[in-house]
Amino acid sequence: MGNDENLGRFLRRGATGFFQPEDGPLPDTDLRAFRTALHAAAHAAKGVVGEVEERSYPRTFHTASVIQGLEKHVVLCHAHHPWIAFTADRRDGHAEDFTAPPQWARVLSQAGFGFEVLDHTQLNTPLSALDSSLLSEFEWRQAHHHDTTTLGGALFNTWD
């Protein structure tokens, strides 16, 4: 995915975890489907699923790991949209520490699981390169307040 216009599709309702109450609650990503997809991916990697941590407010993502030999891959799953990202370590917020998905990650977007694996190039795209009208004024204030400058930082955040 090379063009910034296509990346704007990620900046939709629920992407940052904020919403207007009058618009109703945000959708939830099926945690059981995420676990099932993780196990299929771990099997493809000849690895095992490590700890799966359900999101807690204000995080916008669930966190898991797949252990492949001596390597541990940290997997983030967006809480409101079926988006997957990889990072170097577990922590509450992610801004620019996204890593390239391992080869076995394609399993997460295949076999009917319905997840979309985002690569580090997409996630590290500057917010300034995207259509600013796609986020609400409140969301932009939150991004500035938390020094968030990338698409990945906006999607996988702990803003409060």
C-alpha atoms as a PDB file:
ATOM      1  CA  MET A   1       0.000   0.000   0.000  1.00  0.00           C
ATOM      2  CA  GLY A   2       1.809   3.056  -1.127  1.00  0.00           C
ATOM      3  CA  ASN A   3      -0.510   5.979  -1.346  1.00  0.00           C
ATOM      4  CA  ASP A   4      -1.562   8.188   1.513  1.00  0.00           C
ATOM      5  CA  GLU A   5      -5.155   8.464   0.277  1.00  0.00           C
ATOM      6  CA  ASN A   6      -5.679   4.766   0.991  1.00  0.00           C
ATOM      7  CA  LEU A   7      -4.203   5.187   4.457  1.00  0.00           C
ATOM      8  CA  GLY A   8      -6.932   7.697   5.277  1.00  0.00           C
ATOM      9  CA  ARG A   9      -9.382   4.805   5.418  1.00  0.00           C
ATOM     10  CA  PHE A  10      -7.931   3.948   8.827  1.00  0.00           C
ATOM     11  CA  LEU A  11      -9.000   7.300  10.256  1.00  0.00           C
ATOM     12  CA  ARG A  12     -12.643   6.458  10.692  1.00  0.00           C
ATOM     13  CA  ARG A  13     -15.038   6.381  13.610  1.00  0.00           C
ATOM     14  CA  GLY A  14     -13.471   4.522  16.504  1.00  0.00           C
ATOM     15  CA  ALA A  15      -9.937   4.558  15.132  1.00  0.00           C
ATOM     16  CA  THR A  16      -8.580   6.618  18.037  1.00  0.00           C
ATOM     17  CA  GLY A  17     -10.927   5.124  20.622  1.00  0.00           C
ATOM     18  CA  PHE A  18     -12.894   8.363  20.994  1.00  0.00           C
ATOM     19  CA  PHE A  19     -16.517   8.766  19.992  1.00  0.00           C
ATOM     20  CA  GLN A  20     -19.513  10.991  20.486  1.00  0.00           C
ATOM     21  CA  PRO A  21     -22.055   9.353  22.827  1.00  0.00           C
ATOM     22  CA  GLU A  22     -24.920  10.408  20.574  1.00  0.00           C
ATOM     23  CA  ASP A  23     -23.378   8.268  17.797  1.00  0.00           C
ATOM     24  CA  GLY A  24     -23.641   5.151  19.948  1.00  0.00           C
ATOM     25  CA  PRO A  25     -20.919   2.858  21.248  1.00  0.00           C
ATOM     26  CA  LEU A  26     -17.939   1.838  19.161  1.00  0.00           C
ATOM     27  CA  PRO A  27     -17.756  -1.626  17.612  1.00  0.00           C
ATOM     28  CA  ASP A  28     -15.654  -4.230  19.396  1.00  0.00           C
ATOM     29  CA  THR A  29     -13.130  -6.514  17.766  1.00  0.00           C
ATOM     30  CA  ASP A  30     -13.960 -10.116  18.638  1.00  0.00           C
ATOM     31  CA  LEU A  31     -11.292 -11.131  21.163  1.00  0.00           C
ATOM     32  CA  ARG A  32     -12.084 -14.823  20.702  1.00  0.00           C
ATOM     33  CA  ALA A  33     -11.532 -14.489  16.941  1.00  0.00           C
ATOM     34  CA  PHE A  34      -8.221 -12.745  17.658  1.00  0.00           C
ATOM     35  CA  ARG A  35      -7.126 -15.612  19.921  1.00  0.00           C
ATOM     36  CA  THR A  36      -8.142 -18.184  17.312  1.00  0.00           C
ATOM     37  CA  ALA A  37      -6.238 -16.331  14.588  1.00  0.00           C
ATOM     38  CA  LEU A  38      -3.196 -16.053  16.880  1.00  0.00           C
ATOM     39  CA  HIS A  39      -3.149 -19.800  17.455  1.00  0.00           C
ATOM     40  CA  ALA A  40      -3.355 -20.454  13.705  1.00  0.00           C
ATOM     41  CA  ALA A  41      -0.515 -17.978  13.100  1.00  0.00           C
ATOM     42  CA  ALA A  42       1.593 -19.483  15.888  1.00  0.00           C
ATOM     43  CA  HIS A  43       1.058 -22.933  14.383  1.00  0.00           C
ATOM     44  CA  ALA A  44       2.213 -21.624  10.979  1.00  0.00           C
ATOM     45  CA  ALA A  45       5.271 -20.130  12.697  1.00  0.00           C
ATOM     46  CA  LYS A  46       5.991 -23.401  14.510  1.00  0.00           C
ATOM     47  CA  GLY A  47       5.637 -21.380  17.671  1.00  0.00           C
ATOM     48  CA  VAL A  48       3.243 -20.885  20.558  1.00  0.00           C
ATOM     49  CA  VAL A  49       0.946 -18.139  21.722  1.00  0.00           C
ATOM     50  CA  GLY A  50       2.228 -16.367  24.822  1.00  0.00           C
ATOM     51  CA  GLU A  51       0.163 -14.145  27.068  1.00  0.00           C
ATOM     52  CA  VAL A  52      -2.940 -12.495  25.593  1.00  0.00           C
ATOM     53  CA  GLU A  53      -3.900  -9.328  27.445  1.00  0.00           C
ATOM     54  CA  GLU A  54      -7.343  -7.854  26.878  1.00  0.00           C
ATOM     55  CA  ARG A  55      -7.396  -4.095  26.506  1.00  0.00           C
ATOM     56  CA  SER A  56      -8.170  -1.963  29.497  1.00  0.00           C
ATOM     57  CA  TYR A  57      -9.145   1.678  29.365  1.00  0.00           C
ATOM     58  CA  PRO A  58      -7.648   3.863  27.975  1.00  0.00           C
ATOM     59  CA  ARG A  59      -5.746   1.503  25.645  1.00  0.00           C
ATOM     60  CA  THR A  60      -7.241   1.075  22.179  1.00  0.00           C
ATOM     61  CA  PHE A  61      -5.689  -2.361  21.670  1.00  0.00           C
ATOM     62  CA  HIS A  62      -5.327  -5.891  22.963  1.00  0.00           C
ATOM     63  CA  THR A  63      -1.763  -7.198  23.324  1.00  0.00           C
ATOM     64  CA  ALA A  64      -0.438 -10.699  22.735  1.00  0.00           C
ATOM     65  CA  SER A  65       2.759 -12.477  21.872  1.00  0.00           C
ATOM     66  CA  VAL A  66       3.785 -15.321  19.633  1.00  0.00           C
ATOM     67  CA  ILE A  67       6.943 -17.113  20.658  1.00  0.00           C
ATOM     68  CA  GLN A  68       8.883 -18.637  17.816  1.00  0.00           C
ATOM     69  CA  GLY A  69      12.026 -20.364  19.028  1.00  0.00           C
ATOM     70  CA  LEU A  70      14.002 -17.726  20.926  1.00  0.00           C
ATOM     71  CA  GLU A  71      12.119 -14.880  19.258  1.00  0.00           C
ATOM     72  CA  LYS A  72       9.114 -13.176  20.816  1.00  0.00           C
ATOM     73  CA  HIS A  73       6.778 -11.217  18.533  1.00  0.00           C
ATOM     74  CA  VAL A  74       4.480  -8.670  20.203  1.00  0.00           C
ATOM     75  CA  VAL A  75       1.112  -8.466  18.456  1.00  0.00           C
ATOM     76  CA  LEU A  76      -1.356  -5.603  18.878  1.00  0.00           C
ATOM     77  CA  CYS A  77      -5.008  -5.962  17.905  1.00  0.00           C
ATOM     78  CA  HIS A  78      -7.086  -2.796  17.675  1.00  0.00           C
ATOM     79  CA  ALA A  79     -10.058  -2.964  20.058  1.00  0.00           C
ATOM     80  CA  HIS A  80     -12.592  -1.449  17.653  1.00  0.00           C
ATOM     81  CA  HIS A  81     -11.436  -2.455  14.165  1.00  0.00           C
ATOM     82  CA  PRO A  82      -9.799  -5.691  12.957  1.00  0.00           C
ATOM     83  CA  TRP A  83      -6.306  -4.213  12.568  1.00  0.00           C
ATOM     84  CA  ILE A  84      -3.105  -5.952  13.631  1.00  0.00           C
ATOM     85  CA  ALA A  85       0.298  -4.362  14.257  1.00  0.00           C
ATOM     86  CA  PHE A  86       3.653  -5.634  15.499  1.00  0.00           C
ATOM     87  CA  THR A  87       5.944  -3.861  17.945  1.00  0.00           C
ATOM     88  CA  ALA A  88       9.262  -4.496  19.603  1.00  0.00           C
ATOM     89  CA  ASP A  89       7.863  -4.705  23.128  1.00  0.00           C
ATOM     90  CA  ARG A  90       4.774  -4.613  25.328  1.00  0.00           C
ATOM     91  CA  ARG A  91       3.809  -1.240  26.726  1.00  0.00           C
ATOM     92  CA  ASP A  92       0.855   1.061  27.038  1.00  0.00           C
ATOM     93  CA  GLY A  93       1.412   3.401  24.102  1.00  0.00           C
ATOM     94  CA  HIS A  94       3.049   2.992  20.742  1.00  0.00           C
ATOM     95  CA  ALA A  95       4.190   5.824  18.535  1.00  0.00           C
ATOM     96  CA  GLU A  96       7.066   4.887  16.274  1.00  0.00           C
ATOM     97  CA  ASP A  97       8.200   1.496  17.526  1.00  0.00           C
ATOM     98  CA  PHE A  98       6.267  -0.597  15.033  1.00  0.00           C
ATOM     99  CA  THR A  99       8.110  -3.453  13.378  1.00  0.00           C
ATOM    100  CA  ALA A 100       7.689  -5.290  10.110  1.00  0.00           C
ATOM    101  CA  PRO A 101       5.237  -8.175  10.408  1.00  0.00           C
ATOM    102  CA  PRO A 102       6.891 -11.598  10.337  1.00  0.00           C
ATOM    103  CA  GLN A 103       6.118 -13.807   7.347  1.00  0.00           C
ATOM    104  CA  TRP A 104       3.641 -15.929   9.249  1.00  0.00           C
ATOM    105  CA  ALA A 105       1.514 -12.826  10.009  1.00  0.00           C
ATOM    106  CA  ARG A 106      -0.235 -13.256   6.665  1.00  0.00           C
ATOM    107  CA  VAL A 107      -2.188 -16.105   8.316  1.00  0.00           C
ATOM    108  CA  LEU A 108      -3.993 -13.470  10.404  1.00  0.00           C
ATOM    109  CA  SER A 109      -5.491 -11.920   7.292  1.00  0.00           C
ATOM    110  CA  GLN A 110      -6.214 -15.213   5.559  1.00  0.00           C
ATOM    111  CA  ALA A 111      -8.335 -18.220   6.339  1.00  0.00           C
ATOM    112  CA  GLY A 112     -11.430 -16.145   7.026  1.00  0.00           C
ATOM    113  CA  PHE A 113     -10.154 -14.478  10.191  1.00  0.00           C
ATOM    114  CA  GLY A 114     -10.809 -11.036   8.721  1.00  0.00           C
ATOM    115  CA  PHE A 115      -7.897  -9.165  10.287  1.00  0.00           C
ATOM    116  CA  GLU A 116      -5.794  -6.689   8.371  1.00  0.00           C
ATOM    117  CA  VAL A 117      -2.095  -6.720   9.172  1.00  0.00           C
ATOM    118  CA  LEU A 118      -0.604  -3.238   8.974  1.00  0.00           C
ATOM    119  CA  ASP A 119       3.060  -2.876   8.142  1.00  0.00           C
ATOM    120  CA  HIS A 120       5.508  -0.529   9.818  1.00  0.00           C
ATOM    121  CA  THR A 121       5.595   1.768   6.775  1.00  0.00           C
ATOM    122  CA  GLN A 122       1.844   2.339   6.992  1.00  0.00           C
ATOM    123  CA  LEU A 123       1.922   2.782  10.761  1.00  0.00           C
ATOM    124  CA  ASN A 124       4.814   5.243  10.658  1.00  0.00           C
ATOM    125  CA  THR A 125       3.083   7.495   8.125  1.00  0.00           C
ATOM    126  CA  PRO A 126       2.947  11.039   9.514  1.00  0.00           C
ATOM    127  CA  LEU A 127      -0.537  12.209  10.423  1.00  0.00           C
ATOM    128  CA  SER A 128       0.317  15.442   8.654  1.00  0.00           C
ATOM    129  CA  ALA A 129       0.413  13.492   5.370  1.00  0.00           C
ATOM    130  CA  LEU A 130      -3.222  12.399   5.766  1.00  0.00           C
ATOM    131  CA  ASP A 131      -6.471  14.264   5.223  1.00  0.00           C
ATOM    132  CA  SER A 132      -6.904  16.325   8.398  1.00  0.00           C
ATOM    133  CA  SER A 133     -10.696  16.303   8.062  1.00  0.00           C
ATOM    134  CA  LEU A 134     -10.789  12.591   8.823  1.00  0.00           C
ATOM    135  CA  LEU A 135     -10.301  13.133  12.560  1.00  0.00           C
ATOM    136  CA  SER A 136     -12.493  15.308  14.751  1.00  0.00           C
ATOM    137  CA  GLU A 137     -11.140  18.501  16.262  1.00  0.00           C
ATOM    138  CA  PHE A 138     -11.151  16.771  19.653  1.00  0.00           C
ATOM    139  CA  GLU A 139      -9.067  13.869  18.284  1.00  0.00           C
ATOM    140  CA  TRP A 140      -6.545  16.278  16.782  1.00  0.00           C
ATOM    141  CA  ARG A 141      -6.259  18.036  20.151  1.00  0.00           C
ATOM    142  CA  GLN A 142      -5.607  14.663  21.789  1.00  0.00           C
ATOM    143  CA  ALA A 143      -2.959  13.823  19.173  1.00  0.00           C
ATOM    144  CA  HIS A 144      -1.195  17.138  19.775  1.00  0.00           C
ATOM    145  CA  HIS A 145      -1.523  16.841  23.555  1.00  0.00           C
ATOM    146  CA  HIS A 146       0.088  13.382  23.503  1.00  0.00           C
ATOM    147  CA  ASP A 147       2.705  14.332  20.873  1.00  0.00           C
ATOM    148  CA  THR A 148       1.297  11.740  18.489  1.00  0.00           C
ATOM    149  CA  THR A 149       2.606  12.302  14.983  1.00  0.00           C
ATOM    150  CA  THR A 150       2.029   8.970  13.213  1.00  0.00           C
ATOM    151  CA  LEU A 151      -0.938   6.956  12.028  1.00  0.00           C
ATOM    152  CA  GLY A 152       0.121   4.043  14.244  1.00  0.00           C
ATOM    153  CA  GLY A 153       0.391   6.319  17.260  1.00  0.00           C
ATOM    154  CA  ALA A 154      -3.176   7.511  16.658  1.00  0.00           C
ATOM    155  CA  LEU A 155      -4.562   3.991  16.185  1.00  0.00           C
ATOM    156  CA  PHE A 156      -2.715   2.222  19.010  1.00  0.00           C
ATOM    157  CA  ASN A 157      -2.852   4.748  21.835  1.00  0.00           C
ATOM    158  CA  THR A 158      -3.598   5.260  25.519  1.00  0.00           C
ATOM    159  CA  TRP A 159      -5.073   8.726  25.279  1.00  0.00           C
ATOM    160  CA  ASP A 160      -7.363   9.706  28.126  1.00  0.00           C
END
